[in-house]
Amino acid sequence: MGGTAKINNLTCGEGQPLLVVAGPCVIENLDLTLSIAAELKEMAERLPIQLVFKASFDKANRTSGSAFRGLGIDDGLRVLDEVRRQFDVPVTTDIHESNQAAKVGEVCDLLQIPAFLARQTDLLLAAANTGKAVNVKKGQFMAPWDMKHVVAKLQEAGNPNVMLTERGTFFGYGRLVNDMRALIEMGALGVPVIYDATHSVQEPGGLGAATGGNRAMVPPMARAAAAVGIDGLFFETHPSPDQSPSDGPNMVPLAEAEKLLRQVLAVRDAVSQNQ
C-alpha cells in the first residue's frame, strides 16, 4: 500500500507479512485476557502473520453512561504488561486524553487513536512524542484524503512510525459502510493501511442503549479489503462474544479467528501472485 512503520522488531507495510492487531474489545480481567492472548499467539506461530495484541483499559465512548468501561488505566496497563511479558508480543490500546499518552507509552508498543478523536491535535502530538508507533483510526465523519493532515501532525512531531486504519463511514443514522477506495487513497499518503473488520460492521446505537453490529459480515468484508490491498488487519475477538460487555455483536468468536485469518491470507496471496 504505502510506506512502512516499525513496531519494535515488526515492520508493517509493503512487502511485509500481514500485521494482525487483535484481542478483546475491553479488558475484563487478567485471566480472560491472558487466555485470549495465548490462543492468538498460537495462531501467529502457525500462520505467516505478525501479531500485535489489542485490548482497551477504558471504553470512554460507550453509548450509555452506565455501561462497563473497563479496569481503568493503572489496572489495565498491568494486564497488558503481563500479556507482553508472558507471550513476547507487542501490545496496543486506545488513548483518549493527552495526559494518558506517556503512561501508556511506557507499556504499549503501539498507541491507538480512536476514530472519534482522529482530529484532536494535542492527543496526536502527545502520542507522537512518546516515540512509539501510532495507529490512527479514520474518523467515521472524515474523507480518506483528509487523513493527510493527521499524518502530517504526527510526522512533523518527529514520529515516522504512523499507520492509518479504515473502520467505516457514517451512512445515515446507525449504519456504517466501507468505501474500499479509502484503502488506496490512504495508502497514497505514504503510510501503511490497516482494515478494521469488526468496527466496520458496527451499527452505532443499534441496540438503543448500546452499539449493535453484524459479525456475519466480518469475513466477507475482510476478504474484500484484502483483495483491494491492506498492510494489516484489525479485529476484536472473544471466546463468547454475546457475553462480552462491549461490542459483542460485531466481534469474531475466538474459535473462528484462525479461519478468518486463513481466508484473508489466501486472498492476499492470490492478489500478490498476479500483480
Protein backbone atom coordinates (compact mmCIF):
# COMPACT_ATOMS: atom_id res chain seq x y z
CA MET A 1 0.00 0.00 0.00
CA GLY A 2 2.00 2.97 1.30
CA GLY A 3 5.20 3.19 3.33
CA THR A 4 6.35 1.19 6.33
CA ALA A 5 6.15 1.58 10.09
CA LYS A 6 8.18 -0.11 12.82
CA ILE A 7 6.60 -1.60 15.94
CA ASN A 8 9.56 -2.84 17.94
CA ASN A 9 11.04 -5.59 15.75
CA LEU A 10 7.97 -5.81 13.49
CA THR A 11 7.60 -3.92 10.22
CA CYS A 12 4.20 -3.14 8.80
CA GLY A 13 3.94 -2.17 5.15
CA GLU A 14 4.54 -3.12 1.58
CA GLY A 15 6.28 -6.46 1.10
CA GLN A 16 5.91 -7.40 4.77
CA PRO A 17 3.86 -10.19 6.35
CA LEU A 18 0.32 -9.21 7.29
CA LEU A 19 0.17 -7.30 10.56
CA VAL A 20 -2.71 -8.58 12.70
CA VAL A 21 -3.95 -6.38 15.54
CA ALA A 22 -6.36 -8.49 17.56
CA GLY A 23 -7.78 -9.06 21.02
CA PRO A 24 -10.90 -8.39 23.06
CA CYS A 25 -12.70 -5.06 22.90
CA VAL A 26 -12.19 -4.31 26.58
CA ILE A 27 -10.05 -5.78 29.35
CA GLU A 28 -12.49 -7.63 31.62
CA ASN A 29 -9.98 -9.37 33.88
CA LEU A 30 -6.46 -10.78 33.82
CA ASP A 31 -7.29 -14.46 33.32
CA LEU A 32 -9.60 -13.97 30.34
CA THR A 33 -7.19 -11.56 28.69
CA LEU A 34 -4.28 -13.97 29.08
CA SER A 35 -6.29 -16.88 27.70
CA ILE A 36 -7.25 -14.89 24.58
CA ALA A 37 -3.66 -13.76 24.13
CA ALA A 38 -2.43 -17.36 24.42
CA GLU A 39 -4.73 -18.54 21.62
CA LEU A 40 -3.81 -15.64 19.36
CA LYS A 41 -0.11 -16.27 19.98
CA GLU A 42 -0.55 -19.92 18.96
CA MET A 43 -2.31 -18.83 15.76
CA ALA A 44 0.54 -16.43 15.00
CA GLU A 45 3.01 -19.28 15.32
CA ARG A 46 1.04 -21.34 12.79
CA LEU A 47 0.43 -18.56 10.28
CA PRO A 48 2.64 -16.12 8.34
CA ILE A 49 1.45 -13.09 10.30
CA GLN A 50 2.83 -10.52 12.71
CA LEU A 51 0.73 -10.20 15.87
CA VAL A 52 0.01 -7.15 18.00
CA PHE A 53 -2.32 -7.81 20.94
CA LYS A 54 -5.04 -5.21 21.49
CA ALA A 55 -7.37 -4.57 24.42
CA SER A 56 -8.80 -1.37 25.88
CA PHE A 57 -8.40 -0.32 29.51
CA ASP A 58 -11.22 2.20 29.12
CA LYS A 59 -14.09 2.42 26.66
CA ALA A 60 -14.58 6.15 27.02
CA ASN A 61 -17.18 6.49 24.27
CA ARG A 62 -19.82 3.98 25.37
CA THR A 63 -23.36 4.76 24.27
CA SER A 64 -24.69 4.63 27.85
CA GLY A 65 -23.05 6.22 30.84
CA SER A 66 -23.87 3.15 32.91
CA ALA A 67 -22.12 0.69 30.55
CA PHE A 68 -18.99 -1.20 31.61
CA ARG A 69 -15.91 0.80 30.61
CA GLY A 70 -13.00 -1.39 31.70
CA LEU A 71 -10.47 -1.69 34.51
CA GLY A 72 -9.02 1.81 34.24
CA ILE A 73 -5.58 2.86 33.15
CA ASP A 74 -3.46 1.50 36.02
CA ASP A 75 -5.00 -1.96 36.31
CA GLY A 76 -5.45 -2.18 32.55
CA LEU A 77 -1.81 -1.42 31.83
CA ARG A 78 -0.73 -4.03 34.37
CA VAL A 79 -2.74 -6.61 32.43
CA LEU A 80 -1.26 -5.52 29.09
CA ASP A 81 2.24 -5.59 30.55
CA GLU A 82 1.63 -9.16 31.67
CA VAL A 83 0.49 -10.12 28.16
CA ARG A 84 3.61 -8.52 26.73
CA ARG A 85 5.85 -10.30 29.22
CA GLN A 86 4.28 -13.76 29.05
CA PHE A 87 3.80 -14.01 25.30
CA ASP A 88 6.55 -11.75 23.95
CA VAL A 89 4.17 -9.85 21.66
CA PRO A 90 3.75 -6.11 21.17
CA VAL A 91 0.62 -4.68 22.77
CA THR A 92 -1.62 -1.72 21.97
CA THR A 93 -4.51 0.14 23.50
CA ASP A 94 -6.56 3.30 22.91
CA ILE A 95 -5.76 6.63 24.47
CA HIS A 96 -8.49 9.24 24.83
CA GLU A 97 -6.73 12.09 26.62
CA SER A 98 -3.33 13.67 26.12
CA ASN A 99 -2.28 13.01 29.69
CA GLN A 100 -2.63 9.25 29.15
CA ALA A 101 -0.04 9.05 26.38
CA ALA A 102 3.20 8.99 28.38
CA LYS A 103 1.97 6.39 30.88
CA VAL A 104 0.57 4.15 28.12
CA GLY A 105 3.77 4.57 26.12
CA GLU A 106 5.75 3.04 28.99
CA VAL A 107 3.93 -0.27 28.44
CA CYS A 108 2.48 -0.31 24.93
CA ASP A 109 4.50 -0.65 21.75
CA LEU A 110 1.77 0.92 19.61
CA LEU A 111 -0.65 3.68 20.62
CA GLN A 112 -4.10 3.73 19.06
CA ILE A 113 -6.13 6.88 18.46
CA PRO A 114 -9.89 6.23 18.33
CA ALA A 115 -11.81 7.31 15.24
CA PHE A 116 -13.89 9.90 17.10
CA LEU A 117 -10.63 11.61 18.16
CA ALA A 118 -8.67 11.44 14.90
CA ARG A 119 -8.55 15.24 14.54
CA GLN A 120 -7.54 16.03 18.15
CA THR A 121 -4.19 17.74 17.65
CA ASP A 122 -2.99 17.67 21.27
CA LEU A 123 -3.81 13.97 21.54
CA LEU A 124 -1.93 13.18 18.33
CA LEU A 125 1.10 15.19 19.41
CA ALA A 126 1.17 13.53 22.83
CA ALA A 127 1.09 10.12 21.18
CA ALA A 128 3.81 11.08 18.71
CA ASN A 129 6.04 12.39 21.49
CA THR A 130 6.16 9.00 23.22
CA GLY A 131 8.32 7.74 20.37
CA LYS A 132 6.09 4.70 19.99
CA ALA A 133 4.33 3.81 16.75
CA VAL A 134 0.89 5.40 16.36
CA ASN A 135 -2.17 3.92 14.65
CA VAL A 136 -4.97 6.38 13.92
CA LYS A 137 -8.43 5.18 13.00
CA LYS A 138 -10.02 7.30 10.30
CA GLY A 139 -12.96 9.23 11.67
CA GLN A 140 -16.34 7.91 10.55
CA PHE A 141 -17.02 11.52 9.54
CA MET A 142 -13.80 12.06 7.56
CA ALA A 143 -12.83 11.69 3.92
CA PRO A 144 -9.80 9.42 3.49
CA TRP A 145 -7.78 12.16 1.79
CA ASP A 146 -8.25 14.43 4.81
CA MET A 147 -6.20 11.98 6.86
CA LYS A 148 -3.15 13.63 5.25
CA HIS A 149 -3.41 16.27 7.96
CA VAL A 150 -3.34 13.60 10.66
CA VAL A 151 -0.23 12.04 9.13
CA ALA A 152 1.43 15.45 8.86
CA LYS A 153 0.79 16.29 12.52
CA LEU A 154 2.43 13.05 13.66
CA GLN A 155 5.37 13.18 11.28
CA GLU A 156 6.03 16.86 11.93
CA ALA A 157 6.24 15.96 15.61
CA GLY A 158 9.14 13.67 14.70
CA ASN A 159 7.38 10.31 14.65
CA PRO A 160 7.88 8.35 11.38
CA ASN A 161 6.01 5.24 12.51
CA VAL A 162 2.47 6.11 11.54
CA MET A 163 -0.36 3.84 10.42
CA LEU A 164 -3.94 4.56 9.40
CA THR A 165 -6.96 2.33 9.88
CA GLU A 166 -10.17 2.23 7.87
CA ARG A 167 -13.22 1.46 10.02
CA GLY A 168 -16.22 2.58 8.01
CA THR A 169 -18.05 5.81 7.25
CA PHE A 170 -21.38 7.05 8.56
CA PHE A 171 -24.24 6.18 6.21
CA GLY A 172 -27.24 7.89 7.72
CA TYR A 173 -28.14 7.07 11.31
CA GLY A 174 -26.98 3.83 12.90
CA ARG A 175 -25.20 2.44 9.85
CA LEU A 176 -21.65 2.32 8.57
CA VAL A 177 -20.41 1.50 5.09
CA ASN A 178 -16.95 0.87 3.68
CA ASP A 179 -15.75 2.71 0.63
CA MET A 180 -12.90 0.41 -0.34
CA ARG A 181 -11.32 3.24 -2.32
CA ALA A 182 -10.34 4.67 1.06
CA LEU A 183 -7.73 1.92 1.47
CA ILE A 184 -6.00 3.01 -1.72
CA GLU A 185 -6.38 6.71 -1.03
CA MET A 186 -4.91 6.48 2.47
CA GLY A 187 -2.11 4.24 1.21
CA ALA A 188 -1.21 7.02 -1.24
CA LEU A 189 -0.34 9.17 1.79
CA GLY A 190 2.78 7.04 2.21
CA VAL A 191 1.82 5.11 5.33
CA PRO A 192 0.68 1.53 5.98
CA VAL A 193 -3.07 0.95 5.96
CA ILE A 194 -4.97 -1.42 8.24
CA TYR A 195 -8.54 -2.61 7.79
CA ASP A 196 -10.70 -2.79 10.91
CA ALA A 197 -13.05 -5.65 10.09
CA THR A 198 -15.14 -5.62 13.26
CA HIS A 199 -15.83 -1.94 13.85
CA SER A 200 -16.70 -1.59 10.17
CA VAL A 201 -19.77 -3.77 10.73
CA GLN A 202 -20.97 -1.87 13.80
CA GLU A 203 -24.44 -0.36 13.96
CA PRO A 204 -23.90 2.67 16.23
CA GLY A 205 -26.66 2.89 18.80
CA GLY A 206 -28.33 -0.05 17.08
CA LEU A 207 -29.40 -1.64 20.37
CA GLY A 208 -30.81 1.56 21.82
CA ALA A 209 -28.51 1.99 24.82
CA ALA A 210 -25.66 0.10 23.16
CA THR A 211 -23.99 -0.33 19.80
CA GLY A 212 -25.13 -3.23 17.66
CA GLY A 213 -23.48 -4.96 14.73
CA ASN A 214 -23.47 -7.95 12.42
CA ARG A 215 -20.48 -10.24 12.88
CA ALA A 216 -21.58 -12.39 9.92
CA MET A 217 -20.39 -9.57 7.68
CA VAL A 218 -16.84 -9.58 9.07
CA PRO A 219 -15.36 -12.37 6.87
CA PRO A 220 -16.69 -11.09 3.51
CA MET A 221 -15.65 -7.52 4.29
CA ALA A 222 -12.19 -8.64 5.42
CA ARG A 223 -11.76 -10.67 2.23
CA ALA A 224 -12.84 -7.70 0.14
CA ALA A 225 -10.33 -5.43 1.86
CA ALA A 226 -7.56 -7.98 1.32
CA ALA A 227 -8.44 -8.08 -2.38
CA VAL A 228 -8.10 -4.30 -2.63
CA GLY A 229 -4.88 -4.37 -0.64
CA ILE A 230 -4.08 -3.95 3.05
CA ASP A 231 -0.95 -4.00 5.18
CA GLY A 232 -2.75 -5.08 8.32
CA LEU A 233 -6.00 -6.49 9.64
CA PHE A 234 -7.62 -5.37 12.89
CA PHE A 235 -10.35 -7.39 14.53
CA GLU A 236 -11.73 -7.86 18.01
CA THR A 237 -12.34 -11.35 19.30
CA HIS A 238 -13.76 -13.09 22.35
CA PRO A 239 -14.47 -16.71 23.34
CA SER A 240 -18.14 -15.82 23.87
CA PRO A 241 -18.89 -12.52 22.14
CA ASP A 242 -22.50 -12.45 23.25
CA GLN A 243 -21.30 -12.39 26.86
CA SER A 244 -18.81 -9.60 26.25
CA PRO A 245 -19.67 -6.32 28.00
CA SER A 246 -18.65 -4.30 24.94
CA ASP A 247 -19.04 -4.70 21.15
CA GLY A 248 -20.25 -8.30 21.36
CA PRO A 249 -22.49 -8.20 18.26
CA ASN A 250 -19.64 -7.40 15.89
CA MET A 251 -16.79 -9.38 17.50
CA VAL A 252 -15.37 -12.54 15.94
CA PRO A 253 -15.76 -15.69 18.06
CA LEU A 254 -12.24 -16.73 19.05
CA ALA A 255 -12.83 -20.24 17.69
CA GLU A 256 -13.43 -18.74 14.23
CA ALA A 257 -10.49 -16.33 14.19
CA GLU A 258 -7.98 -18.65 12.54
CA LYS A 259 -10.40 -19.49 9.72
CA LEU A 260 -10.86 -15.76 9.11
CA LEU A 261 -7.11 -15.19 9.02
CA ARG A 262 -6.53 -18.07 6.61
CA GLN A 263 -9.16 -16.68 4.24
CA VAL A 264 -7.63 -13.21 4.31
CA LEU A 265 -4.13 -14.60 3.76
CA ALA A 266 -5.34 -16.70 0.82
CA VAL A 267 -6.87 -13.67 -0.87
CA ARG A 268 -3.81 -11.55 -0.16
CA ASP A 269 -1.51 -14.23 -1.58
CA ALA A 270 -3.64 -14.64 -4.70
CA VAL A 271 -3.53 -10.92 -5.39
CA SER A 272 0.24 -10.65 -4.85
CA GLN A 273 0.92 -13.59 -7.17
CA ASN A 274 -0.98 -11.97 -10.01
CA GLN A 275 0.41 -8.46 -9.82
